[in-house]
Structure formats: structure tokens, C-alpha cells
Protein backbone atom coordinates (compact mmCIF):
# COMPACT_ATOMS: atom_id res chain seq x y z
CA MET A 1 34.37 9.56 -56.35
CA GLY A 2 32.60 7.11 -59.51
CA GLU A 3 30.21 4.77 -58.87
CA HIS A 4 29.86 1.17 -60.07
CA THR A 5 27.58 -0.29 -61.78
CA THR A 6 26.52 -4.33 -60.69
CA GLU A 7 24.54 -6.33 -62.68
CA ALA A 8 22.34 -8.81 -59.95
CA ARG A 9 19.68 -10.70 -60.44
CA GLY A 10 16.74 -10.24 -58.50
CA VAL A 11 12.77 -12.43 -57.87
CA GLY A 12 12.08 -11.65 -61.16
CA GLY A 13 15.27 -11.56 -63.14
CA SER A 14 18.19 -10.18 -63.79
CA ILE A 15 18.37 -6.47 -62.70
CA PRO A 16 19.47 -4.10 -65.75
CA SER A 17 22.99 -3.11 -64.66
CA LEU A 18 22.99 0.55 -63.09
CA PRO A 19 24.61 2.63 -61.17
CA ILE A 20 24.59 1.53 -57.00
CA SER A 21 22.60 4.25 -56.48
CA GLN A 22 19.66 3.98 -59.10
CA ARG A 23 19.75 0.03 -58.74
CA ASN A 24 18.51 0.57 -55.54
CA VAL A 25 15.57 3.17 -56.50
CA TYR A 26 15.15 0.46 -59.63
CA ILE A 27 14.69 -2.26 -56.62
CA THR A 28 12.37 -0.03 -54.30
CA LEU A 29 10.73 0.54 -57.03
CA SER A 30 10.11 -2.89 -57.75
CA ILE A 31 9.10 -3.90 -54.38
CA ILE A 32 6.58 -1.33 -54.21
CA LEU A 33 5.07 -2.64 -57.62
CA ASN A 34 5.06 -5.86 -56.54
CA MET A 35 3.41 -5.21 -52.87
CA LYS A 36 1.05 -3.46 -55.03
CA LYS A 37 0.20 -6.42 -57.14
CA GLU A 38 -0.98 -8.92 -53.89
CA GLU A 39 -2.91 -5.89 -51.98
CA SER A 40 -4.97 -6.02 -55.47
CA VAL A 41 -4.96 -9.47 -55.26
CA LYS A 42 -5.74 -9.09 -51.50
CA LYS A 43 -8.94 -7.38 -51.96
CA HIS A 44 -11.23 -9.87 -54.02
CA SER A 45 -9.49 -12.58 -51.91
CA ASP A 46 -12.74 -12.20 -49.12
CA ASN A 47 -15.88 -12.80 -49.44
CA SER A 48 -17.53 -8.95 -49.80
CA PHE A 49 -18.97 -9.91 -53.58
CA GLY A 50 -20.48 -12.83 -52.03
CA VAL A 51 -21.90 -12.06 -49.08
CA VAL A 52 -23.87 -8.77 -51.15
CA SER A 53 -24.96 -11.58 -54.07
CA VAL A 54 -26.82 -13.64 -50.84
CA VAL A 55 -28.26 -10.28 -49.17
CA LEU A 56 -29.21 -9.00 -52.73
CA GLY A 57 -30.99 -12.09 -53.05
CA ILE A 58 -32.77 -12.50 -49.05
CA ILE A 59 -34.19 -8.63 -50.23
CA ALA A 60 -35.24 -9.30 -54.17
CA ILE A 61 -37.31 -12.61 -52.56
CA VAL A 62 -39.15 -10.47 -49.50
CA ILE A 63 -39.83 -7.47 -51.89
CA SER A 64 -41.61 -9.55 -54.43
CA ILE A 65 -43.34 -11.89 -51.91
CA VAL A 66 -44.74 -8.90 -49.38
CA PHE A 67 -45.04 -6.17 -51.82
CA PHE A 68 -47.09 -8.20 -54.74
CA PHE A 69 -49.44 -5.15 -56.30
CA GLY A 70 -46.89 -3.02 -58.28
CA PHE A 71 -43.67 -2.43 -58.71
CA GLY A 72 -42.37 -5.10 -55.85
CA PRO A 73 -41.56 -8.16 -58.16
CA ILE A 74 -39.99 -5.92 -60.61
CA ALA A 75 -38.19 -4.29 -57.78
CA GLY A 76 -37.01 -8.40 -56.99
CA ILE A 77 -35.81 -9.13 -60.81
CA ILE A 78 -33.85 -6.43 -60.78
CA LEU A 79 -32.58 -6.73 -57.52
CA SER A 80 -31.77 -10.50 -58.59
CA ILE A 81 -30.03 -9.50 -61.38
CA ILE A 82 -27.61 -7.45 -60.05
CA GLY A 83 -27.26 -10.21 -57.13
CA LEU A 84 -25.85 -12.79 -59.68
CA ILE A 85 -24.34 -10.23 -61.23
CA PHE A 86 -22.30 -10.44 -58.19
CA ALA A 87 -22.27 -13.62 -57.30
CA MET A 88 -20.84 -14.58 -60.90
CA LYS A 89 -17.65 -11.60 -59.44
CA GLN A 90 -17.63 -14.03 -56.55
CA LYS A 91 -17.15 -16.89 -58.76
CA LYS A 92 -14.35 -15.79 -60.67
CA TYR A 93 -12.49 -15.39 -57.88
CA SER A 94 -13.10 -18.43 -55.77
CA GLU A 95 -15.85 -21.00 -57.14
CA LYS A 96 -15.47 -23.02 -54.02
CA ASN A 97 -17.20 -20.01 -51.86
CA GLY A 98 -20.27 -21.60 -50.00
CA TRP A 99 -21.54 -17.74 -50.70
CA TYR A 100 -21.31 -17.70 -54.34
CA LYS A 101 -23.27 -20.59 -53.86
CA ALA A 102 -25.63 -19.29 -51.24
CA GLY A 103 -25.95 -16.10 -54.18
CA PHE A 104 -26.48 -18.02 -56.97
CA TRP A 105 -29.49 -19.92 -55.79
CA LEU A 106 -31.15 -17.22 -53.48
CA ASN A 107 -31.07 -15.00 -56.80
CA ILE A 108 -32.50 -17.49 -58.69
CA ALA A 109 -35.14 -18.46 -56.83
CA GLY A 110 -35.91 -14.39 -56.26
CA MET A 111 -35.61 -13.58 -60.05
CA ILE A 112 -38.39 -16.99 -60.54
CA ILE A 113 -40.61 -15.61 -57.53
CA GLY A 114 -40.57 -12.30 -58.74
CA LEU A 115 -41.67 -13.57 -62.25
CA LEU A 116 -44.33 -15.65 -60.60
CA VAL A 117 -45.85 -12.99 -58.52
CA LEU A 118 -45.71 -10.27 -61.32
CA ILE A 119 -47.00 -12.82 -63.90
CA TRP A 120 -49.84 -13.50 -60.76
CA PHE A 121 -50.77 -9.95 -60.42
CA VAL A 122 -51.43 -8.92 -64.66
CA LYS A 123 -53.60 -12.13 -64.50
CA ASN A 124 -55.52 -10.87 -61.51
CA LEU A 125 -55.76 -7.60 -62.67
CA LEU A 126 -56.68 -8.46 -66.60
CA GLU A 127 -59.38 -10.74 -65.00
CA ALA A 128 -60.36 -7.49 -62.96
CA ILE A 129 -60.79 -5.05 -65.76
CA ILE A 130 -62.82 -8.13 -67.99
CA GLU A 131 -65.38 -7.94 -65.01
CA ILE A 132 -65.56 -4.28 -64.62
CA GLN A 133 -66.21 -3.94 -68.19
CA LYS A 134 -69.02 -7.26 -68.05
CA GLN A 135 -70.70 -5.27 -65.33
CA GLY A 136 -70.62 -1.49 -67.59
CA LEU A 137 -68.87 -0.07 -64.33
CA LEU A 138 -66.80 2.27 -66.58
CA ASN A 139 -70.14 3.46 -69.13
CA GLN A 140 -70.87 5.46 -66.44
CA TYR A 141 -67.85 7.32 -67.09
CA ASP A 142 -68.30 7.72 -70.09
CA ILE A 143 -68.70 11.67 -72.72
CA PRO A 144 -71.81 12.05 -74.12
CA ASN A 145 -71.62 13.22 -77.23
CA SER A 146 -72.49 16.63 -78.19
CA SER A 147 -73.84 16.21 -81.31
């Protein structure tokens, strides 16, 4: 009972001459590998990166405005940069997608608002320090010389 060898043509080209049982394994493996490729394409054809980008853009804007003192604007800028990365990933899979555009522009706005609020905060902080120095309020904390 010898096995027969056959030459067949598949979708991706010719299947090598193999005994029938090995040829069936070859075909099965090629089908499984093609299914894995299709699954990986389907995973990235959705809007998940775009949705994450939009959410990060909204959070960045809110944090930059509401928590305008301290690290709020810095956190908003960082979130905007991360959101832009997600928007670019979404663009790679689908440029005609509205989620990409919305996420991109929200994160640009979040970054600009964060920078403006940070500049405003630093300007007011420096003005307050200069005013305190003019009034001499810091002099009362000077340590007298012991000589």
C-alpha cells in the first residue's frame, strides 16, 4: 500500500509533490496560516486606536483647564502626545476614518491649551515671587550671621 504523490495548484501557487497524507497536512497548515493573517488584519481594521486617541484628547483638554496649577498642564501635554501616537496608528490603518481626524485635532488642541496654561502659570508664579521680593516678605526668613 504505497502512497501516491500528486502535484496540485493552490491559491498561493503550486503545492509541492508530496505523498497524499503529507499534502493534506501541508494544505491544512497553509489554511491555518492564512486565517491567522486575516485575523491580524481584522484586529487592526477597527477604530480602537482612534477612539483611544479621542478619549485621551478630551481628557488632556479637561485636565489642562481644570487643574491649571502644578502638573495639570504637564499631564495634559503628555496625554496629548500619547493621543497623537494613537491617532497616527489609526491613520496607518485607515486615513478616511473620522476617529483619526477627531483624535488628531483634539490632541493638537490639548497640547496647545496645555502649553498656554503652563506658560500662564509660570508667568504668574514668577510675578508673585518678584512681588514678594519687592515687599521684603522673604527677608524675615533670612538667617542672621553668627559672627
